[in-house]
Amino acid sequence: MIPLVTSFSPQEESQWLQQLTKQIPNQVFKPLAELSDLQRQECELAIVANPDPQALASLPNLVWVQSLWAGVEGMVNQLPDAKFKIVRLIDPHLAETMSEAVLAWTLYLHRDMPHYARQQTHAQWQQRPMVRAKDRRVGILGLGELGNASAQRLAANGFQVFGWSRSEKQLAGVTCFHGRDGLTQLLSQADILVCLLPLTSATLGLLNDDTLSYLPPDAALINFSRGAIIDDIALQKKLQQGEIRHAVLDVFQQEPLPTDNAYWRMKNVTVLPHISAPTHIESACDVVAKNIRLYQATTKIPAAVDVGRGY
């Protein structure tokens, strides 16, 4: 018996249960609420998505939990003393989806689409000088699975690509930086900055008034990671003063983004409803099923989150 512990609606939870059962027909999956006290005692594994910590506390013998999301910082912060391992979703299709979004919105900024959209509202016919891809410098913060795939896709489309990570990395076709000094080096060269970092104590508020000041004049920003990595007051000031020409924001500190938030009304901001790399149920369940089969056959827990790092 494997419980599903989520914040989903009953309809959403039913869809996940159906797909999981299809992937592993000999395994019983049930919502946590349907388990007896004895069944809860016997559970070694749970499948979770934004779980209530109190709900997980009712499963005292958990060995590990499989998240249905790639981002698990919320769970890590809520469960700092958890005795069980947390396994995040590592879906190769997710990296492909994210790289597609990164390319699409980089092209949107690269080809001045926000400016042309504003011109249309004034019936203004005016061509802007075109910058070649090879002359456009794109910086990517975070070179994990998502950042790696995105960097390679941008490089394949002719952009100058720079990447930054906490520790040293090397990627073909990408100029890589690391550490604090490397961060300022990358920022100072990024005509378009793409944030794909995990949210940790080290990245919280990383893009603030100081660090954003290193960006070249007329730079643009894409945030597809977590809202709390950006200091909103600092970013809004830079946008209002024209130091950053445009920001594409898909993630926010509060979601859904409140209707009174200033970002909605800023002409040089594109607000997206957290759609850059949505989880695909069938693909995600395929990954989850493989992890479950591995554990049942070998008792080997898939690669778990390093709680100290937060991912």
C-alpha atoms as a PDB file:
ATOM      1  CA  MET A   1       0.000   0.000   0.000  1.00  0.00           C
ATOM      2  CA  ILE A   2       1.470   3.337  -1.075  1.00  0.00           C
ATOM      3  CA  PRO A   3      -0.339   6.503   0.033  1.00  0.00           C
ATOM      4  CA  LEU A   4      -0.654   9.670  -2.013  1.00  0.00           C
ATOM      5  CA  VAL A   5      -0.170  12.716   0.233  1.00  0.00           C
ATOM      6  CA  THR A   6      -0.895  15.904  -1.705  1.00  0.00           C
ATOM      7  CA  SER A   7      -2.587  19.274  -1.742  1.00  0.00           C
ATOM      8  CA  PHE A   8      -4.362  18.323  -4.991  1.00  0.00           C
ATOM      9  CA  SER A   9      -8.077  18.616  -5.553  1.00  0.00           C
ATOM     10  CA  PRO A  10      -9.914  15.252  -5.468  1.00  0.00           C
ATOM     11  CA  GLN A  11     -10.156  15.362  -9.269  1.00  0.00           C
ATOM     12  CA  GLU A  12      -6.412  15.960  -9.718  1.00  0.00           C
ATOM     13  CA  GLU A  13      -5.542  13.289  -7.171  1.00  0.00           C
ATOM     14  CA  SER A  14      -7.776  10.814  -9.003  1.00  0.00           C
ATOM     15  CA  GLN A  15      -5.904  11.485 -12.267  1.00  0.00           C
ATOM     16  CA  TRP A  16      -2.560  10.759 -10.590  1.00  0.00           C
ATOM     17  CA  LEU A  17      -3.891   7.609  -8.953  1.00  0.00           C
ATOM     18  CA  GLN A  18      -5.193   6.314 -12.273  1.00  0.00           C
ATOM     19  CA  GLN A  19      -1.889   6.921 -14.036  1.00  0.00           C
ATOM     20  CA  LEU A  20       0.177   5.400 -11.210  1.00  0.00           C
ATOM     21  CA  THR A  21      -2.030   2.310 -11.192  1.00  0.00           C
ATOM     22  CA  LYS A  22      -1.652   2.053 -14.963  1.00  0.00           C
ATOM     23  CA  GLN A  23       2.139   2.177 -14.620  1.00  0.00           C
ATOM     24  CA  ILE A  24       2.317  -0.394 -11.773  1.00  0.00           C
ATOM     25  CA  PRO A  25      -0.923  -2.417 -11.941  1.00  0.00           C
ATOM     26  CA  ASN A  26       0.143  -4.857  -9.204  1.00  0.00           C
ATOM     27  CA  GLN A  27       0.633  -2.046  -6.663  1.00  0.00           C
ATOM     28  CA  VAL A  28      -2.139  -0.463  -4.593  1.00  0.00           C
ATOM     29  CA  PHE A  29      -2.145   3.346  -4.406  1.00  0.00           C
ATOM     30  CA  LYS A  30      -4.628   5.202  -2.217  1.00  0.00           C
ATOM     31  CA  PRO A  31      -5.191   8.720  -0.880  1.00  0.00           C
ATOM     32  CA  LEU A  32      -3.853   8.997   2.656  1.00  0.00           C
ATOM     33  CA  ALA A  33      -7.337   9.653   4.059  1.00  0.00           C
ATOM     34  CA  GLU A  34      -8.435   6.157   3.002  1.00  0.00           C
ATOM     35  CA  LEU A  35      -5.745   4.318   4.976  1.00  0.00           C
ATOM     36  CA  SER A  36      -6.436   2.752   8.358  1.00  0.00           C
ATOM     37  CA  ASP A  37      -4.147   3.379  11.318  1.00  0.00           C
ATOM     38  CA  LEU A  38      -2.582  -0.050  10.841  1.00  0.00           C
ATOM     39  CA  GLN A  39      -1.953   0.578   7.146  1.00  0.00           C
ATOM     40  CA  ARG A  40      -0.298   3.900   7.993  1.00  0.00           C
ATOM     41  CA  GLN A  41       2.025   2.105  10.392  1.00  0.00           C
ATOM     42  CA  GLU A  42       3.137  -0.243   7.614  1.00  0.00           C
ATOM     43  CA  CYS A  43       3.981   2.426   5.011  1.00  0.00           C
ATOM     44  CA  GLU A  44       7.649   2.755   4.079  1.00  0.00           C
ATOM     45  CA  LEU A  45       7.039   4.943   1.046  1.00  0.00           C
ATOM     46  CA  ALA A  46       4.679   7.789   0.209  1.00  0.00           C
ATOM     47  CA  ILE A  47       4.147   9.778  -2.974  1.00  0.00           C
ATOM     48  CA  VAL A  48       3.838  13.459  -2.188  1.00  0.00           C
ATOM     49  CA  ALA A  49       3.135  16.882  -3.651  1.00  0.00           C
ATOM     50  CA  ASN A  50       3.153  19.865  -1.289  1.00  0.00           C
ATOM     51  CA  PRO A  51       2.237  17.551   1.605  1.00  0.00           C
ATOM     52  CA  ASP A  52       0.933  18.732   4.965  1.00  0.00           C
ATOM     53  CA  PRO A  53       3.706  17.927   7.497  1.00  0.00           C
ATOM     54  CA  GLN A  54       1.075  16.739   9.953  1.00  0.00           C
ATOM     55  CA  ALA A  55      -0.210  14.270   7.377  1.00  0.00           C
ATOM     56  CA  LEU A  56       3.279  12.824   6.934  1.00  0.00           C
ATOM     57  CA  ALA A  57       3.613  12.596  10.724  1.00  0.00           C
ATOM     58  CA  SER A  58       0.796  10.047  10.645  1.00  0.00           C
ATOM     59  CA  LEU A  59       3.165   7.717   8.746  1.00  0.00           C
ATOM     60  CA  PRO A  60       5.717   6.983  11.496  1.00  0.00           C
ATOM     61  CA  ASN A  61       7.725   4.338   9.629  1.00  0.00           C
ATOM     62  CA  LEU A  62       8.411   6.169   6.386  1.00  0.00           C
ATOM     63  CA  VAL A  63      11.768   5.359   4.819  1.00  0.00           C
ATOM     64  CA  TRP A  64      11.451   7.766   1.899  1.00  0.00           C
ATOM     65  CA  VAL A  65       9.010   9.958   0.020  1.00  0.00           C
ATOM     66  CA  GLN A  66       8.831  10.476  -3.721  1.00  0.00           C
ATOM     67  CA  SER A  67       7.938  14.033  -4.678  1.00  0.00           C
ATOM     68  CA  LEU A  68       5.921  14.658  -7.810  1.00  0.00           C
ATOM     69  CA  TRP A  69       7.694  17.999  -8.247  1.00  0.00           C
ATOM     70  CA  ALA A  70      11.279  18.835  -9.144  1.00  0.00           C
ATOM     71  CA  GLY A  71      11.309  21.633  -6.556  1.00  0.00           C
ATOM     72  CA  VAL A  72      11.243  20.395  -2.967  1.00  0.00           C
ATOM     73  CA  GLU A  73      12.558  23.408  -1.023  1.00  0.00           C
ATOM     74  CA  GLY A  74       9.183  23.949   0.662  1.00  0.00           C
ATOM     75  CA  MET A  75       9.149  20.411   2.032  1.00  0.00           C
ATOM     76  CA  VAL A  76      12.792  20.613   3.095  1.00  0.00           C
ATOM     77  CA  ASN A  77      12.096  23.829   5.022  1.00  0.00           C
ATOM     78  CA  GLN A  78       8.964  22.448   6.661  1.00  0.00           C
ATOM     79  CA  LEU A  79      10.583  19.136   7.624  1.00  0.00           C
ATOM     80  CA  PRO A  80      14.142  19.964   8.743  1.00  0.00           C
ATOM     81  CA  ASP A  81      14.244  17.024  11.150  1.00  0.00           C
ATOM     82  CA  ALA A  82      12.606  14.420   8.933  1.00  0.00           C
ATOM     83  CA  LYS A  83      14.015  10.923   9.427  1.00  0.00           C
ATOM     84  CA  PHE A  84      12.969   9.821   5.971  1.00  0.00           C
ATOM     85  CA  LYS A  85      14.698  10.586   2.671  1.00  0.00           C
ATOM     86  CA  ILE A  86      13.171  13.009   0.174  1.00  0.00           C
ATOM     87  CA  VAL A  87      13.479  12.106  -3.502  1.00  0.00           C
ATOM     88  CA  ARG A  88      12.601  14.839  -5.966  1.00  0.00           C
ATOM     89  CA  LEU A  89      11.274  14.207  -9.451  1.00  0.00           C
ATOM     90  CA  ILE A  90      14.082  14.056 -11.996  1.00  0.00           C
ATOM     91  CA  ASP A  91      12.286  13.808 -15.305  1.00  0.00           C
ATOM     92  CA  PRO A  92      14.409  14.094 -18.469  1.00  0.00           C
ATOM     93  CA  HIS A  93      11.357  15.395 -20.294  1.00  0.00           C
ATOM     94  CA  LEU A  94      11.149  18.244 -17.767  1.00  0.00           C
ATOM     95  CA  ALA A  95      14.606  19.463 -18.803  1.00  0.00           C
ATOM     96  CA  GLU A  96      13.535  19.330 -22.450  1.00  0.00           C
ATOM     97  CA  THR A  97      10.366  21.294 -21.672  1.00  0.00           C
ATOM     98  CA  MET A  98      12.283  23.898 -19.684  1.00  0.00           C
ATOM     99  CA  SER A  99      14.915  24.338 -22.382  1.00  0.00           C
ATOM    100  CA  GLU A 100      12.119  24.915 -24.887  1.00  0.00           C
ATOM    101  CA  ALA A 101      10.648  27.650 -22.682  1.00  0.00           C
ATOM    102  CA  VAL A 102      14.059  29.231 -22.093  1.00  0.00           C
ATOM    103  CA  LEU A 103      14.712  29.353 -25.841  1.00  0.00           C
ATOM    104  CA  ALA A 104      11.234  30.710 -26.604  1.00  0.00           C
ATOM    105  CA  TRP A 105      11.372  33.571 -24.109  1.00  0.00           C
ATOM    106  CA  THR A 106      15.012  34.345 -24.856  1.00  0.00           C
ATOM    107  CA  LEU A 107      13.998  34.776 -28.502  1.00  0.00           C
ATOM    108  CA  TYR A 108      11.069  36.931 -27.360  1.00  0.00           C
ATOM    109  CA  LEU A 109      13.509  39.309 -25.673  1.00  0.00           C
ATOM    110  CA  HIS A 110      16.260  38.934 -28.275  1.00  0.00           C
ATOM    111  CA  ARG A 111      13.954  39.979 -31.136  1.00  0.00           C
ATOM    112  CA  ASP A 112      12.402  42.883 -29.172  1.00  0.00           C
ATOM    113  CA  MET A 113       8.891  41.428 -29.088  1.00  0.00           C
ATOM    114  CA  PRO A 114       7.832  43.485 -26.013  1.00  0.00           C
ATOM    115  CA  HIS A 115       8.760  46.696 -27.865  1.00  0.00           C
ATOM    116  CA  TYR A 116       6.840  45.705 -30.986  1.00  0.00           C
ATOM    117  CA  ALA A 117       3.801  44.787 -28.865  1.00  0.00           C
ATOM    118  CA  ARG A 118       3.856  48.293 -27.371  1.00  0.00           C
ATOM    119  CA  GLN A 119       4.207  49.805 -30.842  1.00  0.00           C
ATOM    120  CA  GLN A 120       1.101  47.942 -31.981  1.00  0.00           C
ATOM    121  CA  THR A 121      -1.014  49.543 -29.257  1.00  0.00           C
ATOM    122  CA  HIS A 122      -0.135  52.917 -30.829  1.00  0.00           C
ATOM    123  CA  ALA A 123      -0.437  51.763 -34.459  1.00  0.00           C
ATOM    124  CA  GLN A 124       3.235  52.582 -34.834  1.00  0.00           C
ATOM    125  CA  TRP A 125       5.187  51.093 -37.774  1.00  0.00           C
ATOM    126  CA  GLN A 126       8.883  51.290 -36.958  1.00  0.00           C
ATOM    127  CA  GLN A 127      11.627  48.720 -37.421  1.00  0.00           C
ATOM    128  CA  ARG A 128      14.322  48.329 -34.781  1.00  0.00           C
ATOM    129  CA  PRO A 129      17.933  47.339 -35.484  1.00  0.00           C
ATOM    130  CA  MET A 130      18.368  43.569 -35.361  1.00  0.00           C
ATOM    131  CA  VAL A 131      21.052  42.007 -33.183  1.00  0.00           C
ATOM    132  CA  ARG A 132      22.448  38.699 -34.443  1.00  0.00           C
ATOM    133  CA  ALA A 133      22.227  35.725 -32.077  1.00  0.00           C
ATOM    134  CA  LYS A 134      26.011  35.357 -32.114  1.00  0.00           C
ATOM    135  CA  ASP A 135      26.268  38.916 -30.778  1.00  0.00           C
ATOM    136  CA  ARG A 136      23.745  38.360 -27.963  1.00  0.00           C
ATOM    137  CA  ARG A 137      25.153  37.196 -24.627  1.00  0.00           C
ATOM    138  CA  VAL A 138      22.866  34.985 -22.539  1.00  0.00           C
ATOM    139  CA  GLY A 139      23.769  34.154 -18.947  1.00  0.00           C
ATOM    140  CA  ILE A 140      22.258  31.186 -17.145  1.00  0.00           C
ATOM    141  CA  LEU A 141      22.294  30.952 -13.362  1.00  0.00           C
ATOM    142  CA  GLY A 142      22.204  27.276 -12.373  1.00  0.00           C
ATOM    143  CA  LEU A 143      23.778  24.465 -14.374  1.00  0.00           C
ATOM    144  CA  GLY A 144      21.908  21.445 -13.056  1.00  0.00           C
ATOM    145  CA  GLU A 145      19.738  19.272 -15.303  1.00  0.00           C
ATOM    146  CA  LEU A 146      17.528  22.189 -16.352  1.00  0.00           C
ATOM    147  CA  GLY A 147      20.321  24.718 -16.769  1.00  0.00           C
ATOM    148  CA  ASN A 148      22.520  22.309 -18.686  1.00  0.00           C
ATOM    149  CA  ALA A 149      19.772  21.456 -21.174  1.00  0.00           C
ATOM    150  CA  SER A 150      18.825  25.121 -21.586  1.00  0.00           C
ATOM    151  CA  ALA A 151      22.427  26.226 -22.104  1.00  0.00           C
ATOM    152  CA  GLN A 152      22.990  23.599 -24.784  1.00  0.00           C
ATOM    153  CA  ARG A 153      19.777  24.555 -26.578  1.00  0.00           C
ATOM    154  CA  LEU A 154      20.691  28.245 -26.605  1.00  0.00           C
ATOM    155  CA  ALA A 155      24.208  27.482 -27.824  1.00  0.00           C
ATOM    156  CA  ALA A 156      22.787  25.313 -30.611  1.00  0.00           C
ATOM    157  CA  ASN A 157      20.757  28.338 -31.733  1.00  0.00           C
ATOM    158  CA  GLY A 158      23.817  30.510 -32.072  1.00  0.00           C
ATOM    159  CA  PHE A 159      23.815  32.561 -28.863  1.00  0.00           C
ATOM    160  CA  GLN A 160      26.891  33.324 -26.784  1.00  0.00           C
ATOM    161  CA  VAL A 161      26.084  31.352 -23.642  1.00  0.00           C
ATOM    162  CA  PHE A 162      27.559  31.844 -20.192  1.00  0.00           C
ATOM    163  CA  GLY A 163      26.696  29.688 -17.208  1.00  0.00           C
ATOM    164  CA  TRP A 164      27.179  30.017 -13.456  1.00  0.00           C
ATOM    165  CA  SER A 165      27.071  27.391 -10.725  1.00  0.00           C
ATOM    166  CA  ARG A 166      28.173  27.153  -7.114  1.00  0.00           C
ATOM    167  CA  SER A 167      30.962  24.699  -7.915  1.00  0.00           C
ATOM    168  CA  GLU A 168      33.116  24.489 -11.027  1.00  0.00           C
ATOM    169  CA  LYS A 169      31.589  22.881 -14.118  1.00  0.00           C
ATOM    170  CA  GLN A 170      32.511  22.516 -17.764  1.00  0.00           C
ATOM    171  CA  LEU A 171      29.974  22.363 -20.597  1.00  0.00           C
ATOM    172  CA  ALA A 172      30.703  22.178 -24.307  1.00  0.00           C
ATOM    173  CA  GLY A 173      29.960  25.455 -26.038  1.00  0.00           C
ATOM    174  CA  VAL A 174      29.303  27.292 -22.758  1.00  0.00           C
ATOM    175  CA  THR A 175      31.646  29.639 -20.889  1.00  0.00           C
ATOM    176  CA  CYS A 176      31.289  28.562 -17.261  1.00  0.00           C
ATOM    177  CA  PHE A 177      31.835  30.555 -14.083  1.00  0.00           C
ATOM    178  CA  HIS A 178      31.525  29.568 -10.441  1.00  0.00           C
ATOM    179  CA  GLY A 179      31.749  31.054  -6.977  1.00  0.00           C
ATOM    180  CA  ARG A 180      31.126  34.637  -5.883  1.00  0.00           C
ATOM    181  CA  ASP A 181      33.656  36.199  -8.262  1.00  0.00           C
ATOM    182  CA  GLY A 182      32.295  34.126 -11.110  1.00  0.00           C
ATOM    183  CA  LEU A 183      28.787  35.414 -10.404  1.00  0.00           C
ATOM    184  CA  THR A 184      29.774  39.043 -10.916  1.00  0.00           C
ATOM    185  CA  GLN A 185      31.718  38.100 -14.047  1.00  0.00           C
ATOM    186  CA  LEU A 186      28.679  36.417 -15.554  1.00  0.00           C
ATOM    187  CA  LEU A 187      26.240  39.163 -14.567  1.00  0.00           C
ATOM    188  CA  SER A 188      28.424  41.850 -16.128  1.00  0.00           C
ATOM    189  CA  GLN A 189      28.256  40.062 -19.508  1.00  0.00           C
ATOM    190  CA  ALA A 190      24.595  38.980 -19.574  1.00  0.00           C
ATOM    191  CA  ASP A 191      22.458  40.866 -22.093  1.00  0.00           C
ATOM    192  CA  ILE A 192      19.736  38.397 -21.145  1.00  0.00           C
ATOM    193  CA  LEU A 193      19.900  36.731 -17.726  1.00  0.00           C
ATOM    194  CA  VAL A 194      18.050  33.443 -17.153  1.00  0.00           C
ATOM    195  CA  CYS A 195      17.596  32.252 -13.561  1.00  0.00           C
ATOM    196  CA  LEU A 196      17.220  28.478 -13.097  1.00  0.00           C
ATOM    197  CA  LEU A 197      18.661  28.152  -9.587  1.00  0.00           C
ATOM    198  CA  PRO A 198      17.121  26.066  -6.816  1.00  0.00           C
ATOM    199  CA  LEU A 199      15.904  28.039  -3.805  1.00  0.00           C
ATOM    200  CA  THR A 200      18.262  27.503  -0.874  1.00  0.00           C
ATOM    201  CA  SER A 201      19.586  29.599   1.992  1.00  0.00           C
ATOM    202  CA  ALA A 202      22.468  30.550  -0.327  1.00  0.00           C
ATOM    203  CA  THR A 203      20.251  31.685  -3.231  1.00  0.00           C
ATOM    204  CA  LEU A 204      17.508  33.423  -1.224  1.00  0.00           C
ATOM    205  CA  GLY A 205      17.527  37.059  -2.397  1.00  0.00           C
ATOM    206  CA  LEU A 206      20.611  36.425  -4.540  1.00  0.00           C
ATOM    207  CA  LEU A 207      19.385  38.817  -7.230  1.00  0.00           C
ATOM    208  CA  ASN A 208      19.182  42.043  -5.240  1.00  0.00           C
ATOM    209  CA  ASP A 209      20.017  45.721  -5.696  1.00  0.00           C
ATOM    210  CA  ASP A 210      23.747  44.993  -5.524  1.00  0.00           C
ATOM    211  CA  THR A 211      23.961  41.984  -7.836  1.00  0.00           C
ATOM    212  CA  LEU A 212      21.448  43.314 -10.362  1.00  0.00           C
ATOM    213  CA  SER A 213      23.618  46.437 -10.666  1.00  0.00           C
ATOM    214  CA  TYR A 214      26.303  44.362 -12.386  1.00  0.00           C
ATOM    215  CA  LEU A 215      24.063  43.718 -15.408  1.00  0.00           C
ATOM    216  CA  PRO A 216      24.929  45.671 -18.571  1.00  0.00           C
ATOM    217  CA  PRO A 217      22.738  48.661 -19.501  1.00  0.00           C
ATOM    218  CA  ASP A 218      19.490  47.581 -21.201  1.00  0.00           C
ATOM    219  CA  ALA A 219      19.772  43.976 -19.984  1.00  0.00           C
ATOM    220  CA  ALA A 220      16.701  41.754 -19.664  1.00  0.00           C
ATOM    221  CA  LEU A 221      15.795  39.075 -17.143  1.00  0.00           C
ATOM    222  CA  ILE A 222      13.952  35.742 -17.181  1.00  0.00           C
ATOM    223  CA  ASN A 223      13.094  34.016 -13.893  1.00  0.00           C
ATOM    224  CA  PHE A 224      11.942  30.398 -14.254  1.00  0.00           C
ATOM    225  CA  SER A 225      13.251  29.191 -10.874  1.00  0.00           C
ATOM    226  CA  ARG A 226      11.710  30.523  -7.626  1.00  0.00           C
ATOM    227  CA  GLY A 227      10.342  33.969  -6.834  1.00  0.00           C
ATOM    228  CA  ALA A 228      12.237  34.374  -3.560  1.00  0.00           C
ATOM    229  CA  ILE A 229      15.598  34.362  -5.381  1.00  0.00           C
ATOM    230  CA  ILE A 230      14.778  37.896  -6.543  1.00  0.00           C
ATOM    231  CA  ASP A 231      14.418  40.950  -4.316  1.00  0.00           C
ATOM    232  CA  ASP A 232      11.183  42.308  -5.810  1.00  0.00           C
ATOM    233  CA  ILE A 233      11.683  45.859  -4.568  1.00  0.00           C
ATOM    234  CA  ALA A 234      15.148  46.000  -6.142  1.00  0.00           C
ATOM    235  CA  LEU A 235      13.954  44.535  -9.447  1.00  0.00           C
ATOM    236  CA  GLN A 236      10.976  46.870  -9.667  1.00  0.00           C
ATOM    237  CA  LYS A 237      13.253  49.852  -9.051  1.00  0.00           C
ATOM    238  CA  LYS A 238      15.636  48.728 -11.803  1.00  0.00           C
ATOM    239  CA  LEU A 239      12.713  48.265 -14.197  1.00  0.00           C
ATOM    240  CA  GLN A 240      11.176  51.645 -13.361  1.00  0.00           C
ATOM    241  CA  GLN A 241      14.502  53.394 -13.848  1.00  0.00           C
ATOM    242  CA  GLY A 242      15.125  51.621 -17.153  1.00  0.00           C
ATOM    243  CA  GLU A 243      18.271  49.880 -15.933  1.00  0.00           C
ATOM    244  CA  ILE A 244      16.609  46.568 -16.835  1.00  0.00           C
ATOM    245  CA  ARG A 245      14.571  46.843 -20.009  1.00  0.00           C
ATOM    246  CA  HIS A 246      12.224  43.911 -19.502  1.00  0.00           C
ATOM    247  CA  ALA A 247      11.592  40.997 -17.145  1.00  0.00           C
ATOM    248  CA  VAL A 248       9.788  37.750 -17.926  1.00  0.00           C
ATOM    249  CA  LEU A 249       8.599  36.363 -14.591  1.00  0.00           C
ATOM    250  CA  ASP A 250       7.017  32.937 -14.244  1.00  0.00           C
ATOM    251  CA  VAL A 251       7.506  32.425 -10.487  1.00  0.00           C
ATOM    252  CA  PHE A 252       6.694  34.612  -7.513  1.00  0.00           C
ATOM    253  CA  GLN A 253       7.012  34.639  -3.750  1.00  0.00           C
ATOM    254  CA  GLN A 254       3.228  34.354  -3.513  1.00  0.00           C
ATOM    255  CA  GLU A 255       1.297  32.322  -6.069  1.00  0.00           C
ATOM    256  CA  PRO A 256      -1.135  32.977  -7.608  1.00  0.00           C
ATOM    257  CA  LEU A 257       0.295  36.482  -7.916  1.00  0.00           C
ATOM    258  CA  PRO A 258      -2.104  38.833  -6.033  1.00  0.00           C
ATOM    259  CA  THR A 259      -4.104  41.120  -8.300  1.00  0.00           C
ATOM    260  CA  ASP A 260      -2.760  44.213  -6.535  1.00  0.00           C
ATOM    261  CA  ASN A 261       0.880  43.284  -7.167  1.00  0.00           C
ATOM    262  CA  ALA A 262       2.786  45.990  -9.072  1.00  0.00           C
ATOM    263  CA  TYR A 263       4.155  43.509 -11.626  1.00  0.00           C
ATOM    264  CA  TRP A 264       0.735  43.194 -13.264  1.00  0.00           C
ATOM    265  CA  ARG A 265       0.732  46.875 -14.201  1.00  0.00           C
ATOM    266  CA  MET A 266       4.353  47.306 -15.302  1.00  0.00           C
ATOM    267  CA  LYS A 267       4.646  47.683 -19.070  1.00  0.00           C
ATOM    268  CA  ASN A 268       8.141  46.182 -19.114  1.00  0.00           C
ATOM    269  CA  VAL A 269       7.156  43.002 -17.266  1.00  0.00           C
ATOM    270  CA  THR A 270       5.652  39.832 -18.717  1.00  0.00           C
ATOM    271  CA  VAL A 271       3.775  37.880 -16.031  1.00  0.00           C
ATOM    272  CA  LEU A 272       3.362  34.134 -16.604  1.00  0.00           C
ATOM    273  CA  PRO A 273       1.319  31.787 -14.355  1.00  0.00           C
ATOM    274  CA  HIS A 274       4.114  29.288 -13.521  1.00  0.00           C
ATOM    275  CA  ILE A 275       3.982  27.536 -16.896  1.00  0.00           C
ATOM    276  CA  SER A 276       7.617  27.341 -18.018  1.00  0.00           C
ATOM    277  CA  ALA A 277       7.983  23.608 -17.296  1.00  0.00           C
ATOM    278  CA  PRO A 278       4.738  22.043 -16.068  1.00  0.00           C
ATOM    279  CA  THR A 279       4.852  18.472 -14.825  1.00  0.00           C
ATOM    280  CA  HIS A 280       3.341  16.004 -17.300  1.00  0.00           C
ATOM    281  CA  ILE A 281       1.420  13.296 -15.433  1.00  0.00           C
ATOM    282  CA  GLU A 282       2.288  10.387 -17.726  1.00  0.00           C
ATOM    283  CA  SER A 283       5.985  11.261 -17.925  1.00  0.00           C
ATOM    284  CA  ALA A 284       6.238  11.908 -14.171  1.00  0.00           C
ATOM    285  CA  CYS A 285       4.497   8.649 -13.290  1.00  0.00           C
ATOM    286  CA  ASP A 286       6.882   6.754 -15.527  1.00  0.00           C
ATOM    287  CA  VAL A 287       9.820   8.114 -13.495  1.00  0.00           C
ATOM    288  CA  VAL A 288       8.046   7.405 -10.192  1.00  0.00           C
ATOM    289  CA  ALA A 289       7.226   3.850 -11.277  1.00  0.00           C
ATOM    290  CA  LYS A 290      10.871   3.140 -12.135  1.00  0.00           C
ATOM    291  CA  ASN A 291      11.968   4.435  -8.733  1.00  0.00           C
ATOM    292  CA  ILE A 292       9.398   2.294  -6.931  1.00  0.00           C
ATOM    293  CA  ARG A 293      10.346  -0.845  -8.851  1.00  0.00           C
ATOM    294  CA  LEU A 294      14.023  -0.241  -8.077  1.00  0.00           C
ATOM    295  CA  TYR A 295      13.315   0.087  -4.368  1.00  0.00           C
ATOM    296  CA  GLN A 296      11.064  -2.952  -4.243  1.00  0.00           C
ATOM    297  CA  ALA A 297      13.620  -5.082  -6.081  1.00  0.00           C
ATOM    298  CA  THR A 298      16.770  -3.907  -4.290  1.00  0.00           C
ATOM    299  CA  THR A 299      15.690  -1.734  -1.269  1.00  0.00           C
ATOM    300  CA  LYS A 300      17.855   0.956  -2.883  1.00  0.00           C
ATOM    301  CA  ILE A 301      16.487   4.456  -2.402  1.00  0.00           C
ATOM    302  CA  PRO A 302      16.890   6.684  -5.493  1.00  0.00           C
ATOM    303  CA  ALA A 303      19.228   9.682  -5.209  1.00  0.00           C
ATOM    304  CA  ALA A 304      17.817  11.754  -2.359  1.00  0.00           C
ATOM    305  CA  VAL A 305      17.877  15.464  -1.572  1.00  0.00           C
ATOM    306  CA  ASP A 306      20.864  16.793   0.343  1.00  0.00           C
ATOM    307  CA  VAL A 307      18.960  18.587   3.119  1.00  0.00           C
ATOM    308  CA  GLY A 308      21.996  20.704   3.929  1.00  0.00           C
ATOM    309  CA  ARG A 309      22.103  22.131   0.401  1.00  0.00           C
ATOM    310  CA  GLY A 310      18.308  22.159   0.036  1.00  0.00           C
ATOM    311  CA  TYR A 311      18.186  20.209  -3.251  1.00  0.00           C
END
